[in-house]
Protein backbone atom coordinates (compact mmCIF):
# COMPACT_ATOMS: atom_id res chain seq x y z
CA MET A 1 199.62 -210.26 44.13
CA GLU A 2 201.29 -210.30 47.26
CA PRO A 3 204.51 -211.25 48.27
CA ARG A 4 205.16 -214.68 49.63
CA VAL A 5 207.21 -213.26 52.80
CA ASN A 6 208.36 -209.91 54.03
CA ALA A 7 212.17 -210.27 53.32
CA PHE A 8 212.53 -207.16 55.41
CA ALA A 9 210.66 -208.40 58.59
CA SER A 10 213.40 -211.05 58.62
CA PRO A 11 216.86 -210.28 60.37
CA LEU A 12 218.47 -212.73 57.91
CA GLY A 13 216.90 -211.09 54.94
CA THR A 14 217.30 -207.40 55.91
CA SER A 15 221.11 -208.02 56.42
CA PHE A 16 221.69 -210.12 52.94
CA VAL A 17 219.31 -207.17 50.97
CA LYS A 18 221.64 -204.70 52.74
CA ARG A 19 224.74 -206.44 51.56
CA LEU A 20 223.60 -207.02 48.33
CA THR A 21 222.62 -203.15 47.89
CA ALA A 22 225.95 -202.28 49.16
CA ALA A 23 227.91 -204.72 46.26
CA GLY A 24 225.26 -202.99 43.83
CA ARG A 25 226.66 -199.54 44.94
CA LEU A 26 229.88 -200.44 44.09
CA VAL A 27 229.16 -201.24 40.71
CA ALA A 28 226.89 -197.83 40.41
CA ASP A 29 229.95 -195.98 41.31
CA SER A 30 232.04 -197.64 38.55
CA SER A 31 233.15 -195.80 35.51
CA VAL A 32 230.24 -197.65 33.33
CA PRO A 33 227.79 -195.07 32.11
CA HIS A 34 224.84 -195.01 34.58
CA LEU A 35 222.42 -195.41 31.45
CA THR A 36 224.29 -198.45 30.26
CA GLN A 37 223.96 -199.91 33.99
CA GLU A 38 220.42 -199.47 33.84
CA LEU A 39 219.68 -201.08 30.15
CA VAL A 40 221.74 -204.05 31.55
CA LYS A 41 219.58 -204.37 34.61
CA ILE A 42 216.49 -203.85 32.59
CA ARG A 43 217.53 -206.49 29.82
CA ALA A 44 218.39 -209.06 32.57
CA SER A 45 215.45 -208.47 34.41
CA GLN A 46 213.15 -209.05 31.17
CA ILE A 47 215.18 -212.11 30.68
CA ASN A 48 214.30 -213.51 34.40
CA GLY A 49 210.70 -212.46 34.23
CA CYS A 50 211.15 -210.17 37.21
CA GLY A 51 208.49 -207.62 36.66
CA PHE A 52 209.35 -205.79 40.19
CA CYS A 53 213.15 -204.97 39.00
CA THR A 54 211.94 -204.36 35.27
CA ASP A 55 209.55 -201.43 36.70
CA MET A 56 212.16 -200.01 38.99
CA HIS A 57 214.95 -199.98 36.27
CA THR A 58 212.75 -198.78 33.48
CA LYS A 59 211.52 -195.93 36.05
CA ASP A 60 215.00 -195.33 37.04
CA ALA A 61 216.28 -195.01 33.65
CA LEU A 62 213.57 -192.57 32.60
CA ALA A 63 214.23 -190.11 35.71
CA ALA A 64 218.03 -190.44 34.62
CA GLY A 65 217.07 -189.04 31.09
CA GLU A 66 216.71 -192.35 29.03
CA THR A 67 214.00 -191.82 25.99
CA GLN A 68 210.85 -193.94 26.12
CA LEU A 69 211.83 -195.31 22.61
CA ARG A 70 215.21 -196.75 23.63
CA LEU A 71 213.36 -198.33 26.62
CA ASN A 72 210.75 -199.69 24.35
CA LEU A 73 213.54 -201.49 22.22
CA VAL A 74 215.64 -202.89 25.23
CA ALA A 75 214.44 -206.58 24.41
CA ALA A 76 214.81 -206.16 20.63
CA TRP A 77 218.28 -204.29 20.94
CA ARG A 78 219.95 -206.54 18.25
CA GLU A 79 217.17 -205.35 15.73
CA ALA A 80 217.14 -201.65 16.87
CA THR A 81 219.35 -199.00 15.68
CA VAL A 82 219.19 -196.65 18.78
CA PHE A 83 221.88 -198.46 20.89
CA THR A 84 225.42 -197.64 20.43
CA GLU A 85 228.04 -200.39 19.76
CA ALA A 86 229.20 -200.20 23.25
CA GLU A 87 225.78 -200.52 24.92
CA ARG A 88 225.04 -203.28 22.44
CA ALA A 89 228.43 -205.22 23.68
CA ALA A 90 227.05 -204.87 27.46
CA LEU A 91 223.45 -205.79 26.61
CA GLU A 92 224.98 -209.28 25.08
CA LEU A 93 227.35 -209.70 27.61
CA ALA A 94 224.43 -209.41 30.11
CA GLU A 95 221.90 -211.67 27.87
CA GLU A 96 225.14 -214.31 27.96
CA GLY A 97 225.81 -213.93 31.39
CA THR A 98 222.22 -214.22 32.40
CA ARG A 99 221.67 -217.00 30.36
CA ILE A 100 224.82 -218.98 31.53
CA ALA A 101 223.06 -222.28 31.99
CA ASP A 102 222.13 -222.11 28.09
CA ALA A 103 225.61 -222.16 26.91
CA ALA A 104 227.70 -225.39 27.69
CA GLY A 105 231.01 -223.23 27.99
CA GLY A 106 229.37 -220.07 29.58
CA VAL A 107 229.83 -216.77 27.92
CA PRO A 108 231.23 -217.36 24.42
CA ASP A 109 234.81 -215.75 23.61
CA GLU A 110 233.44 -214.01 21.08
CA VAL A 111 231.05 -212.04 23.30
CA TRP A 112 233.68 -211.37 25.95
CA ALA A 113 236.18 -209.74 23.17
CA ASN A 114 233.46 -207.74 21.83
CA ALA A 115 232.64 -206.11 25.34
CA ALA A 116 236.67 -205.95 25.51
CA LYS A 117 236.80 -203.66 22.65
CA HIS A 118 234.25 -201.14 24.30
CA TYR A 119 235.24 -201.48 28.35
CA ASP A 120 238.51 -201.41 30.06
CA GLU A 121 239.27 -204.52 32.61
CA GLU A 122 237.89 -202.27 35.36
CA GLN A 123 234.37 -201.87 33.28
CA LEU A 124 234.55 -205.52 32.42
CA VAL A 125 234.65 -206.32 36.20
CA ALA A 126 231.76 -203.99 36.61
CA LEU A 127 229.74 -205.36 34.01
CA VAL A 128 230.44 -208.73 35.31
CA ALA A 129 229.61 -207.75 39.15
CA LEU A 130 226.48 -205.88 37.59
CA VAL A 131 224.96 -208.76 35.76
CA ALA A 132 225.63 -210.97 39.04
CA VAL A 133 223.91 -208.50 41.11
CA ILE A 134 220.73 -207.68 39.29
CA ASN A 135 220.59 -211.65 38.69
CA THR A 136 220.41 -212.27 42.41
CA TYR A 137 217.89 -209.62 42.85
CA ASN A 138 215.55 -211.08 40.03
CA ARG A 139 215.83 -214.61 41.55
CA LEU A 140 214.71 -213.51 44.82
CA ASN A 141 212.04 -210.90 43.73
CA VAL A 142 210.55 -213.82 41.49
CA MET A 143 210.67 -216.31 43.83
CA LEU A 144 209.43 -214.27 46.49
CA ARG A 145 206.54 -212.64 44.28
CA MET A 146 207.26 -209.22 44.28
CA PRO A 147 204.47 -207.19 42.43
CA ALA A 148 205.51 -204.66 40.40
CA GLY A 149 203.85 -201.03 39.08
CA ASP A 150 204.17 -199.33 42.21
CA TYR A 151 207.94 -198.18 42.36
CA ARG A 152 208.90 -194.74 42.54
CA PRO A 153 212.26 -193.38 41.30
CA GLY A 154 214.38 -192.95 44.49
CA GLN A 155 212.25 -195.17 46.68
CA PHE A 156 214.83 -197.00 48.00
CA GLY A 157 217.47 -194.17 48.61
């Protein structure tokens, strides 16, 4: 598969991706555990069918010390016993935030309350921002048909 366009050949595309990357760095520097952030990015990318991001964040998580078992079970996190309650709350918030159109009222209060049991307000803001950023990347990559499979950890800095 070839991308539809090279977003980096476009001044607008380059500028947009740089700003989106900067927003992602703000979240990455938050106190939400790094591996939790990767799990959230993987789950949203799975839901959105973004092979490019699923490939990237799975490999980044492995390079950061995540286990293959846990990565294999991200899509089935509700039935898996390998995730902490805090990780499960983050994954649930990511799913609800990614599937926001499926719920007439957005993210249910119960989902928010569960996440708030495990994360303080600053971390909740970071998780919301993370879901927003990864969903934006997913949509860009899916629309542009970015191919998956060739990513190397650290490839983009």
